[in-house]
Amino acid sequence: MPEQPYEPEGAIASTGMGGAMDLATSEASTLEKTPGGPEGTGPQEKPRSLWSDAWRDLRRNPVFIISGLVILFLVVISLWPSLIASRNPLNCDLSKAQEGSQPGHPFGFDGQGCDVYTRTVYGTRVSITVGVCATLGVAILGSVLGGLAGFFGGVWDAILSRITDIFFAIPVVLGGLVLLSVVTSNTVWPVIGFMVLLGWPQISRIARGSVITTKQNDYVQAARALGASNSRLLLRHITPNAVAPVIVVATIALGTYIALEATLSYLGVGLKPPTVSWGIDISAASAYIRQAPHMLLWPAGALAITVLAFIMLGDAVRDALDPKLR
């Protein structure tokens, strides 16, 4: 009886189509069901979005944590300054003008005998209010105009682009000197309105470019082919995926608007006394920088820390929302 040829385990078995298929039992026996697969017994992994990935990265970023804690502290004392400053920032004693640190007055006194510590704390309210309101106004106005221009294009896009170029040609500080010099109100709203007036073109251009890029994606084209209306395309498909660059720029710009308010107040065209503002205090202290440097040090330091915190927060948000940096 002739011997049968030896076929080792795991040999190549011929298929009916003339091909070959590896049927190695040693490999087949080692295959295991993976959790989360079609036949797996473990829980399936929940799909993650850009925002969930960004939040996960932000929680692990020490820059975001530090800047977030600083901003949270600033927001709290801007809402309730009496928590850490029990005195009235407008109560002054000329007999103590330009004096240095004393018990109960750690930052000393300014040229009018006002407590520098109390005025520094109360100045946070104006800076945070101006920064937040100006940023919200700029982000809303710029996003709406830029998004509509990028979505519809054509004549609307051309007109908005030329208007944007005109506003970009206006120097911000010079425009503030001209426009705010005729305002007599002591409230923050003229300053906020000026910032919105000259700040929206930057957000508008970014929103326009983001919408143009997003509307060319396949899922937007598919929704349009299925009969989705323009409003549904904008609100459900384009805006959630195009808003990330606007958020990043607006977060960084918030610190810039706080610095701009201080600059305009320093030049005398922004906020005016008796409003308590870091810019006003820095302007008043600049004449006594040699005799009493503490008058300038503390409000200027508070302004620098606030602006730096918002810029650091914007950088952290940018790194988390930019897929190219992952």
Foldseek 3Di string as FASTA:
>chain_A
DDDDDDDDAQHWDADPVRDTDGPRVVVVVPDDDDAQDPPHDHPHDDDDDLVRQLVVLLVVDVLQVVLVVVVVVLVVLLVPVCVPPVDDQPDADQVQALPQADVVQRLGAHRRRGRLVSLLSNQSNLLLVLLVLLLVLLLVVLLVQLLVCLVPPDPSVVVLVVVLVVLVPDDLLVVLCVVLVPDDDQDQVVLSVSSSVSRNSVLSNLNSVLQNVQCPDPVNVVCVVVPDDPVCSCPPRRCVRRCLVSVLVSLLCSLVSSVVLLVCVLVPRHHDPPDRHLSVQLNRCVVVCPVRVSSNPSSVVSSVSNSVSSNSNSVSSVCSSDPVND
